């Protein structure tokens, strides 16, 4: 549990910088666009 706490602390510290927040928004935005595109192309097997 101490390892998870240390990792969470480092991640939280990194997310306070505006450049990291902007990069995270871009990454997750692109992932949502990709997921939406894949869902739009998905066809059900009959």
PDB file of N, CA and C in Angstrom:
ATOM      1  N   UNK A   1       0.820  -1.194   0.000  1.00  0.00           N
ATOM      2  CA  UNK A   1       0.000   0.000   0.000  1.00  0.00           C
ATOM      3  C   UNK A   1       0.862   1.255   0.000  1.00  0.00           C
ATOM      4  N   UNK A   2       2.017   1.168   0.632  1.00  0.00           N
ATOM      5  CA  UNK A   2       2.894   2.342   0.658  1.00  0.00           C
ATOM      6  C   UNK A   2       3.366   2.677  -0.750  1.00  0.00           C
ATOM      7  N   UNK A   3       3.578   1.667  -1.576  1.00  0.00           N
ATOM      8  CA  UNK A   3       3.993   1.898  -2.960  1.00  0.00           C
ATOM      9  C   UNK A   3       2.922   2.628  -3.757  1.00  0.00           C
ATOM     10  N   UNK A   4       1.661   2.215  -3.581  1.00  0.00           N
ATOM     11  CA  UNK A   4       0.565   2.888  -4.266  1.00  0.00           C
ATOM     12  C   UNK A   4       0.452   4.337  -3.802  1.00  0.00           C
ATOM     13  N   UNK A   5       0.630   4.562  -2.527  1.00  0.00           N
ATOM     14  CA  UNK A   5       0.560   5.915  -1.990  1.00  0.00           C
ATOM     15  C   UNK A   5       1.663   6.790  -2.563  1.00  0.00           C
ATOM     16  N   UNK A   6       2.868   6.254  -2.641  1.00  0.00           N
ATOM     17  CA  UNK A   6       3.990   7.010  -3.196  1.00  0.00           C
ATOM     18  C   UNK A   6       3.757   7.316  -4.678  1.00  0.00           C
ATOM     19  N   UNK A   7       3.248   6.337  -5.420  1.00  0.00           N
ATOM     20  CA  UNK A   7       2.972   6.545  -6.839  1.00  0.00           C
ATOM     21  C   UNK A   7       1.885   7.602  -7.037  1.00  0.00           C
ATOM     22  N   UNK A   8       0.827   7.523  -6.247  1.00  0.00           N
ATOM     23  CA  UNK A   8      -0.248   8.495  -6.348  1.00  0.00           C
ATOM     24  C   UNK A   8       0.249   9.896  -6.013  1.00  0.00           C
ATOM     25  N   UNK A   9       1.117   9.998  -5.053  1.00  0.00           N
ATOM     26  CA  UNK A   9       1.674  11.290  -4.670  1.00  0.00           C
ATOM     27  C   UNK A   9       2.486  11.894  -5.812  1.00  0.00           C
ATOM     28  N   UNK A  10       3.274  11.072  -6.472  1.00  0.00           N
ATOM     29  CA  UNK A  10       4.094  11.568  -7.592  1.00  0.00           C
ATOM     30  C   UNK A  10       3.216  11.980  -8.772  1.00  0.00           C
ATOM     31  N   UNK A  11       2.180  11.180  -9.055  1.00  0.00           N
ATOM     32  CA  UNK A  11       1.284  11.498 -10.167  1.00  0.00           C
ATOM     33  C   UNK A  11       0.537  12.796  -9.879  1.00  0.00           C
ATOM     34  N   UNK A  12       0.054  12.945  -8.664  1.00  0.00           N
ATOM     35  CA  UNK A  12      -0.650  14.174  -8.298  1.00  0.00           C
ATOM     36  C   UNK A  12       0.263  15.387  -8.395  1.00  0.00           C
ATOM     37  N   UNK A  13       1.501  15.224  -8.000  1.00  0.00           N
ATOM     38  CA  UNK A  13       2.451  16.319  -8.108  1.00  0.00           C
ATOM     39  C   UNK A  13       2.706  16.712  -9.547  1.00  0.00           C
ATOM     40  N   UNK A  14       2.766  15.729 -10.431  1.00  0.00           N
ATOM     41  CA  UNK A  14       3.009  16.002 -11.843  1.00  0.00           C
ATOM     42  C   UNK A  14       1.800  16.656 -12.504  1.00  0.00           C
ATOM     43  N   UNK A  15       0.592  16.348 -12.032  1.00  0.00           N
ATOM     44  CA  UNK A  15      -0.613  16.877 -12.666  1.00  0.00           C
ATOM     45  C   UNK A  15      -0.923  18.311 -12.262  1.00  0.00           C
ATOM     46  N   UNK A  16      -0.117  18.900 -11.425  1.00  0.00           N
ATOM     47  CA  UNK A  16      -0.346  20.294 -11.038  1.00  0.00           C
ATOM     48  C   UNK A  16       0.237  21.268 -12.049  1.00  0.00           C
ATOM     49  N   UNK A  17       1.088  20.777 -12.948  1.00  0.00           N
ATOM     50  CA  UNK A  17       1.698  21.650 -13.938  1.00  0.00           C
ATOM     51  C   UNK A  17       0.758  21.795 -15.142  1.00  0.00           C
ATOM     52  N   UNK A  18       0.535  23.027 -15.600  1.00  0.00           N
ATOM     53  CA  UNK A  18      -0.406  23.252 -16.714  1.00  0.00           C
ATOM     54  C   UNK A  18      -0.044  22.495 -17.994  1.00  0.00           C
ATOM     55  N   UNK A  19       1.234  22.332 -18.269  1.00  0.00           N
ATOM     56  CA  UNK A  19       1.612  21.617 -19.499  1.00  0.00           C
ATOM     57  C   UNK A  19       1.222  20.148 -19.422  1.00  0.00           C
ATOM     58  N   UNK A  20       1.337  19.561 -18.243  1.00  0.00           N
ATOM     59  CA  UNK A  20       0.942  18.156 -18.081  1.00  0.00           C
ATOM     60  C   UNK A  20      -0.571  17.994 -18.165  1.00  0.00           C
ATOM     61  N   UNK A  21      -1.296  18.954 -17.638  1.00  0.00           N
ATOM     62  CA  UNK A  21      -2.759  18.904 -17.705  1.00  0.00           C
ATOM     63  C   UNK A  21      -3.213  18.996 -19.154  1.00  0.00           C
ATOM     64  N   UNK A  22      -2.582  19.883 -19.921  1.00  0.00           N
ATOM     65  CA  UNK A  22      -2.923  20.038 -21.334  1.00  0.00           C
ATOM     66  C   UNK A  22      -2.624  18.756 -22.106  1.00  0.00           C
ATOM     67  N   UNK A  23      -1.496  18.140 -21.845  1.00  0.00           N
ATOM     68  CA  UNK A  23      -1.140  16.893 -22.519  1.00  0.00           C
ATOM     69  C   UNK A  23      -2.127  15.785 -22.154  1.00  0.00           C
ATOM     70  N   UNK A  24      -2.516  15.717 -20.890  1.00  0.00           N
ATOM     71  CA  UNK A  24      -3.456  14.696 -20.455  1.00  0.00           C
ATOM     72  C   UNK A  24      -4.814  14.889 -21.140  1.00  0.00           C
ATOM     73  N   UNK A  25      -5.266  16.130 -21.268  1.00  0.00           N
ATOM     74  CA  UNK A  25      -6.527  16.401 -21.946  1.00  0.00           C
ATOM     75  C   UNK A  25      -6.467  15.975 -23.405  1.00  0.00           C
ATOM     76  N   UNK A  26      -5.343  16.246 -24.063  1.00  0.00           N
ATOM     77  CA  UNK A  26      -5.190  15.847 -25.462  1.00  0.00           C
ATOM     78  C   UNK A  26      -5.215  14.335 -25.613  1.00  0.00           C
ATOM     79  N   UNK A  27      -4.506  13.652 -24.734  1.00  0.00           N
ATOM     80  CA  UNK A  27      -4.435  12.191 -24.811  1.00  0.00           C
ATOM     81  C   UNK A  27      -5.815  11.576 -24.606  1.00  0.00           C
ATOM     82  N   UNK A  28      -6.509  11.998 -23.545  1.00  0.00           N
ATOM     83  CA  UNK A  28      -7.823  11.416 -23.274  1.00  0.00           C
ATOM     84  C   UNK A  28      -8.845  11.827 -24.324  1.00  0.00           C
ATOM     85  N   UNK A  29      -8.741  13.037 -24.849  1.00  0.00           N
ATOM     86  CA  UNK A  29      -9.629  13.457 -25.925  1.00  0.00           C
ATOM     87  C   UNK A  29      -9.453  12.598 -27.159  1.00  0.00           C
ATOM     88  N   UNK A  30      -8.198  12.342 -27.508  1.00  0.00           N
ATOM     89  CA  UNK A  30      -7.928  11.485 -28.666  1.00  0.00           C
ATOM     90  C   UNK A  30      -8.404  10.062 -28.431  1.00  0.00           C
ATOM     91  N   UNK A  31      -8.264   9.565 -27.200  1.00  0.00           N
ATOM     92  CA  UNK A  31      -8.749   8.216 -26.897  1.00  0.00           C
ATOM     93  C   UNK A  31     -10.267   8.124 -27.035  1.00  0.00           C
ATOM     94  N   UNK A  32     -10.985   9.168 -26.605  1.00  0.00           N
ATOM     95  CA  UNK A  32     -12.440   9.158 -26.744  1.00  0.00           C
ATOM     96  C   UNK A  32     -12.857   9.227 -28.210  1.00  0.00           C
ATOM     97  N   UNK A  33     -12.152  10.021 -29.024  1.00  0.00           N
ATOM     98  CA  UNK A  33     -12.446  10.084 -30.453  1.00  0.00           C
ATOM     99  C   UNK A  33     -12.201   8.722 -31.095  1.00  0.00           C
ATOM    100  N   UNK A  34     -11.092   8.082 -30.745  1.00  0.00           N
ATOM    101  CA  UNK A  34     -10.785   6.761 -31.272  1.00  0.00           C
ATOM    102  C   UNK A  34     -11.850   5.747 -30.868  1.00  0.00           C
ATOM    103  N   UNK A  35     -12.252   5.770 -29.601  1.00  0.00           N
ATOM    104  CA  UNK A  35     -13.280   4.838 -29.128  1.00  0.00           C
ATOM    105  C   UNK A  35     -14.602   5.080 -29.855  1.00  0.00           C
ATOM    106  N   UNK A  36     -14.964   6.342 -30.059  1.00  0.00           N
ATOM    107  CA  UNK A  36     -16.191   6.657 -30.788  1.00  0.00           C
ATOM    108  C   UNK A  36     -16.134   6.195 -32.235  1.00  0.00           C
ATOM    109  N   UNK A  37     -14.978   6.372 -32.857  1.00  0.00           N
ATOM    110  CA  UNK A  37     -14.805   5.925 -34.238  1.00  0.00           C
ATOM    111  C   UNK A  37     -14.921   4.411 -34.343  1.00  0.00           C
ATOM    112  N   UNK A  38     -14.302   3.719 -33.417  1.00  0.00           N
ATOM    113  CA  UNK A  38     -14.384   2.252 -33.426  1.00  0.00           C
ATOM    114  C   UNK A  38     -15.816   1.777 -33.195  1.00  0.00           C
ATOM    115  N   UNK A  39     -16.533   2.442 -32.322  1.00  0.00           N
ATOM    116  CA  UNK A  39     -17.928   2.061 -32.093  1.00  0.00           C
ATOM    117  C   UNK A  39     -18.791   2.337 -33.314  1.00  0.00           C
ATOM    118  N   UNK A  40     -18.493   3.422 -34.028  1.00  0.00           N
ATOM    119  CA  UNK A  40     -19.267   3.741 -35.226  1.00  0.00           C
ATOM    120  C   UNK A  40     -19.019   2.718 -36.326  1.00  0.00           C
ATOM    121  N   UNK A  41     -17.825   2.153 -36.379  1.00  0.00           N
ATOM    122  CA  UNK A  41     -17.488   1.184 -37.412  1.00  0.00           C
ATOM    123  C   UNK A  41     -17.847  -0.247 -37.042  1.00  0.00           C
ATOM    124  N   UNK A  42     -18.210  -0.471 -35.796  1.00  0.00           N
ATOM    125  CA  UNK A  42     -18.495  -1.810 -35.299  1.00  0.00           C
ATOM    126  C   UNK A  42     -19.798  -2.320 -35.887  1.00  0.00           C
ATOM    127  N   UNK A  43     -19.759  -3.536 -36.389  1.00  0.00           N
ATOM    128  CA  UNK A  43     -20.984  -4.160 -36.918  1.00  0.00           C
ATOM    129  C   UNK A  43     -21.263  -5.417 -36.105  1.00  0.00           C
ATOM    130  N   UNK A  44     -22.514  -5.605 -35.800  1.00  0.00           N
ATOM    131  CA  UNK A  44     -22.896  -6.793 -35.038  1.00  0.00           C
ATOM    132  C   UNK A  44     -22.904  -8.007 -35.949  1.00  0.00           C
ATOM    133  N   UNK A  45     -22.471  -9.117 -35.386  1.00  0.00           N
ATOM    134  CA  UNK A  45     -22.540 -10.381 -36.116  1.00  0.00           C
ATOM    135  C   UNK A  45     -23.972 -10.912 -36.028  1.00  0.00           C
ATOM    136  N   UNK A  46     -24.516 -11.300 -37.149  1.00  0.00           N
ATOM    137  CA  UNK A  46     -25.906 -11.788 -37.168  1.00  0.00           C
ATOM    138  C   UNK A  46     -25.977 -13.248 -36.860  1.00  0.00           C
TER     139      UNK A  46
END
